[in-house]
């Protein structure tokens, strides 16, 4: 095999081994926050192998772009399994507060991403408006990760002048999470996140 093929094979094996460990941690039930801490600890070990996620194989968004580059790393596992992505965000990129409708874990390969974590203070069943209270802020960077349960709400904000390369792991593929919501922090307006905010990604085993 050529050098790029060898690197891709190493990455596939490392991803497979990491996800096998994570499946053992999670078992068959909805995860607890304690289990998600174990998941992020395991995922951080993969993120430390920075050479597996080179910018040559995973290009940055085009200069001046406001969208991210998102690469699914285990597309062979299909739509009914956990989904791991390498997410690359340009400087100054931010998102509206949103949920995931499944658990999530985010660890850093490179770069800093400010996460604002919110609590809904309205009647959560309301579909058109929400009232948010900021709970805490966490800067996700190498060695500092974050995890969410299905109903947690957060926004992301890329700090500094360099893009981020982060691993995002979800209980199901993002493309299938069609009931996710985005919340405007100023007006409280609720919209469908996947329909209004998410751009297509790529499969890159």
Protein backbone atom coordinates (compact mmCIF):
# COMPACT_ATOMS: atom_id res chain seq x y z
CA UNK A 1 0.00 0.00 0.00
CA UNK A 2 1.06 3.58 -0.60
CA UNK A 3 1.55 5.94 2.33
CA UNK A 4 -1.94 7.53 2.04
CA UNK A 5 -3.53 4.08 1.81
CA UNK A 6 -1.59 2.94 4.86
CA UNK A 7 -2.72 6.00 6.82
CA UNK A 8 -6.33 5.44 5.79
CA UNK A 9 -6.11 1.80 6.87
CA UNK A 10 -4.66 2.84 10.24
CA UNK A 11 -7.45 5.36 10.70
CA UNK A 12 -10.16 2.82 9.83
CA UNK A 13 -8.73 0.37 12.35
CA UNK A 14 -8.36 3.03 15.05
CA UNK A 15 -11.94 4.22 14.50
CA UNK A 16 -13.26 0.66 14.56
CA UNK A 17 -11.37 -0.16 17.77
CA UNK A 18 -12.51 3.04 19.46
CA UNK A 19 -16.16 2.56 18.57
CA UNK A 20 -16.03 -1.06 19.75
CA UNK A 21 -14.81 0.15 23.14
CA UNK A 22 -17.53 2.78 23.26
CA UNK A 23 -20.26 0.26 22.41
CA UNK A 24 -19.08 -1.86 25.34
CA UNK A 25 -19.27 1.17 27.63
CA UNK A 26 -22.79 2.09 26.52
CA UNK A 27 -24.41 -1.32 26.45
CA UNK A 28 -28.03 -1.44 25.28
CA UNK A 29 -29.62 1.32 27.37
CA UNK A 30 -29.71 5.10 27.16
CA UNK A 31 -26.40 6.39 28.53
CA UNK A 32 -25.93 8.19 31.82
CA UNK A 33 -23.67 11.22 32.21
CA UNK A 34 -21.15 8.96 33.95
CA UNK A 35 -21.07 6.66 30.93
CA UNK A 36 -20.67 9.65 28.60
CA UNK A 37 -17.63 10.71 30.60
CA UNK A 38 -16.12 7.30 29.85
CA UNK A 39 -17.07 7.76 26.19
CA UNK A 40 -15.29 11.12 25.97
CA UNK A 41 -12.22 9.70 27.73
CA UNK A 42 -12.08 6.92 25.12
CA UNK A 43 -12.68 9.30 22.23
CA UNK A 44 -9.92 11.62 23.46
CA UNK A 45 -7.42 8.80 22.98
CA UNK A 46 -8.40 8.67 19.30
CA UNK A 47 -8.21 12.46 18.95
CA UNK A 48 -4.65 12.41 20.25
CA UNK A 49 -3.63 10.53 17.09
CA UNK A 50 -3.71 13.79 15.16
CA UNK A 51 -1.81 12.37 12.20
CA UNK A 52 -4.87 10.25 11.33
CA UNK A 53 -6.89 13.38 10.61
CA UNK A 54 -4.56 15.39 8.42
CA UNK A 55 -5.73 18.46 6.57
CA UNK A 56 -4.53 16.85 3.34
CA UNK A 57 -7.14 14.11 3.69
CA UNK A 58 -9.75 16.29 5.40
CA UNK A 59 -9.61 19.74 3.77
CA UNK A 60 -10.65 22.90 5.54
CA UNK A 61 -13.72 24.81 4.37
CA UNK A 62 -12.94 27.18 1.51
CA UNK A 63 -11.40 30.45 2.67
CA UNK A 64 -14.12 32.85 3.65
CA UNK A 65 -16.72 30.08 3.95
CA UNK A 66 -19.19 30.32 6.80
CA UNK A 67 -20.06 26.63 6.82
CA UNK A 68 -18.20 23.68 8.28
CA UNK A 69 -16.69 20.61 6.64
CA UNK A 70 -18.14 17.43 8.12
CA UNK A 71 -16.77 13.95 7.36
CA UNK A 72 -18.40 10.78 8.63
CA UNK A 73 -15.73 8.28 9.64
CA UNK A 74 -17.87 5.13 10.04
CA UNK A 75 -20.40 5.34 7.23
CA UNK A 76 -20.26 1.56 6.77
CA UNK A 77 -22.15 1.22 10.07
CA UNK A 78 -25.26 2.67 8.44
CA UNK A 79 -28.06 4.79 9.83
CA UNK A 80 -29.07 2.66 12.83
CA UNK A 81 -25.83 2.88 14.79
CA UNK A 82 -23.60 5.43 16.45
CA UNK A 83 -22.03 7.95 14.07
CA UNK A 84 -18.57 9.50 14.30
CA UNK A 85 -17.64 12.65 12.39
CA UNK A 86 -14.59 14.82 11.96
CA UNK A 87 -16.01 18.34 12.05
CA UNK A 88 -13.92 21.26 10.80
CA UNK A 89 -15.17 24.77 11.56
CA UNK A 90 -13.74 28.04 10.23
CA UNK A 91 -12.75 30.91 12.56
CA UNK A 92 -15.67 32.93 13.95
CA UNK A 93 -18.19 30.21 13.02
CA UNK A 94 -21.08 29.93 15.47
CA UNK A 95 -24.39 28.11 15.69
CA UNK A 96 -27.76 28.83 17.19
CA UNK A 97 -28.54 26.99 20.42
CA UNK A 98 -29.81 23.53 19.49
CA UNK A 99 -30.47 20.05 20.79
CA UNK A 100 -29.54 16.69 19.24
CA UNK A 101 -32.42 14.34 20.20
CA UNK A 102 -29.72 11.77 20.97
CA UNK A 103 -26.61 11.76 23.14
CA UNK A 104 -23.45 13.43 21.85
CA UNK A 105 -19.75 13.68 22.72
CA UNK A 106 -17.28 16.24 21.35
CA UNK A 107 -13.49 16.08 21.70
CA UNK A 108 -10.80 18.21 20.09
CA UNK A 109 -8.05 17.21 17.70
CA UNK A 110 -7.04 20.84 17.24
CA UNK A 111 -8.45 24.28 18.01
CA UNK A 112 -10.77 25.91 20.51
CA UNK A 113 -14.56 25.83 20.41
CA UNK A 114 -16.57 27.69 23.02
CA UNK A 115 -19.70 25.77 24.00
CA UNK A 116 -22.54 27.61 25.72
CA UNK A 117 -24.83 25.21 27.55
CA UNK A 118 -28.43 26.28 28.18
CA UNK A 119 -31.47 25.22 30.15
CA UNK A 120 -34.99 25.59 28.77
CA UNK A 121 -37.18 27.44 31.26
CA UNK A 122 -40.41 27.34 29.28
CA UNK A 123 -42.84 24.50 28.83
CA UNK A 124 -40.61 22.16 26.85
CA UNK A 125 -43.54 20.86 24.84
CA UNK A 126 -44.11 24.21 23.16
CA UNK A 127 -43.08 24.03 19.50
CA UNK A 128 -42.78 27.67 18.47
CA UNK A 129 -40.99 29.52 21.29
CA UNK A 130 -38.49 28.75 24.04
CA UNK A 131 -36.93 30.64 26.92
CA UNK A 132 -33.27 29.84 27.58
CA UNK A 133 -31.03 30.37 30.59
CA UNK A 134 -27.26 30.11 30.18
CA UNK A 135 -25.91 27.47 32.56
CA UNK A 136 -22.19 27.41 31.80
CA UNK A 137 -19.51 27.88 29.18
CA UNK A 138 -16.92 25.25 28.25
CA UNK A 139 -13.99 25.73 25.87
CA UNK A 140 -13.51 22.43 24.07
CA UNK A 141 -9.84 22.04 23.17
CA UNK A 142 -7.31 19.19 23.32
CA UNK A 143 -7.74 17.60 26.74
CA UNK A 144 -11.10 19.29 27.50
CA UNK A 145 -14.21 17.63 26.09
CA UNK A 146 -17.97 17.90 26.50
CA UNK A 147 -20.92 15.52 26.28
CA UNK A 148 -24.69 15.93 26.07
CA UNK A 149 -27.82 13.96 26.73
CA UNK A 150 -30.60 14.01 24.15
CA UNK A 151 -32.49 17.06 25.44
CA UNK A 152 -29.47 19.21 26.35
CA UNK A 153 -29.19 22.51 24.46
CA UNK A 154 -25.91 24.15 23.43
CA UNK A 155 -24.39 26.54 20.92
CA UNK A 156 -20.85 26.56 19.55
CA UNK A 157 -18.54 29.46 18.80
CA UNK A 158 -15.07 29.12 17.27
CA UNK A 159 -12.63 31.35 19.11
CA UNK A 160 -9.23 32.48 17.86
CA UNK A 161 -8.13 32.80 14.24
CA UNK A 162 -7.65 29.12 13.37
CA UNK A 163 -10.18 26.49 12.29
CA UNK A 164 -11.08 23.67 14.63
CA UNK A 165 -10.77 19.94 13.97
CA UNK A 166 -13.01 18.10 16.42
CA UNK A 167 -14.46 14.61 16.64
CA UNK A 168 -18.24 14.57 17.12
CA UNK A 169 -19.89 11.31 18.15
CA UNK A 170 -23.68 10.85 18.21
CA UNK A 171 -26.07 8.07 19.15
CA UNK A 172 -27.39 8.17 15.58
CA UNK A 173 -26.25 9.86 12.35
CA UNK A 174 -26.98 13.58 12.24
CA UNK A 175 -28.75 13.20 8.92
CA UNK A 176 -31.43 11.05 10.59
CA UNK A 177 -32.10 13.45 13.47
CA UNK A 178 -34.87 15.28 11.67
CA UNK A 179 -36.61 16.56 14.84
CA UNK A 180 -33.69 18.62 16.14
CA UNK A 181 -34.57 22.23 16.93
CA UNK A 182 -32.67 25.51 16.80
CA UNK A 183 -33.61 28.33 19.19
CA UNK A 184 -32.94 31.98 18.53
CA UNK A 185 -31.44 33.23 21.82
CA UNK A 186 -32.87 36.73 21.35
CA UNK A 187 -36.40 36.03 20.16
CA UNK A 188 -36.89 32.47 21.39
CA UNK A 189 -38.15 31.40 17.96
CA UNK A 190 -37.86 27.67 17.33
CA UNK A 191 -36.99 26.27 13.91
CA UNK A 192 -35.99 22.86 12.59
CA UNK A 193 -32.21 22.64 12.88
CA UNK A 194 -31.51 20.12 10.15
CA UNK A 195 -33.73 21.91 7.67
CA UNK A 196 -32.42 25.44 8.30
CA UNK A 197 -28.89 25.14 9.68
CA UNK A 198 -27.19 21.92 8.59
CA UNK A 199 -25.23 21.55 5.36
CA UNK A 200 -24.47 18.18 3.71
CA UNK A 201 -21.39 16.30 4.84
CA UNK A 202 -19.17 13.65 3.26
CA UNK A 203 -18.41 10.03 4.01
CA UNK A 204 -14.67 9.55 4.49
CA UNK A 205 -13.67 6.18 5.98
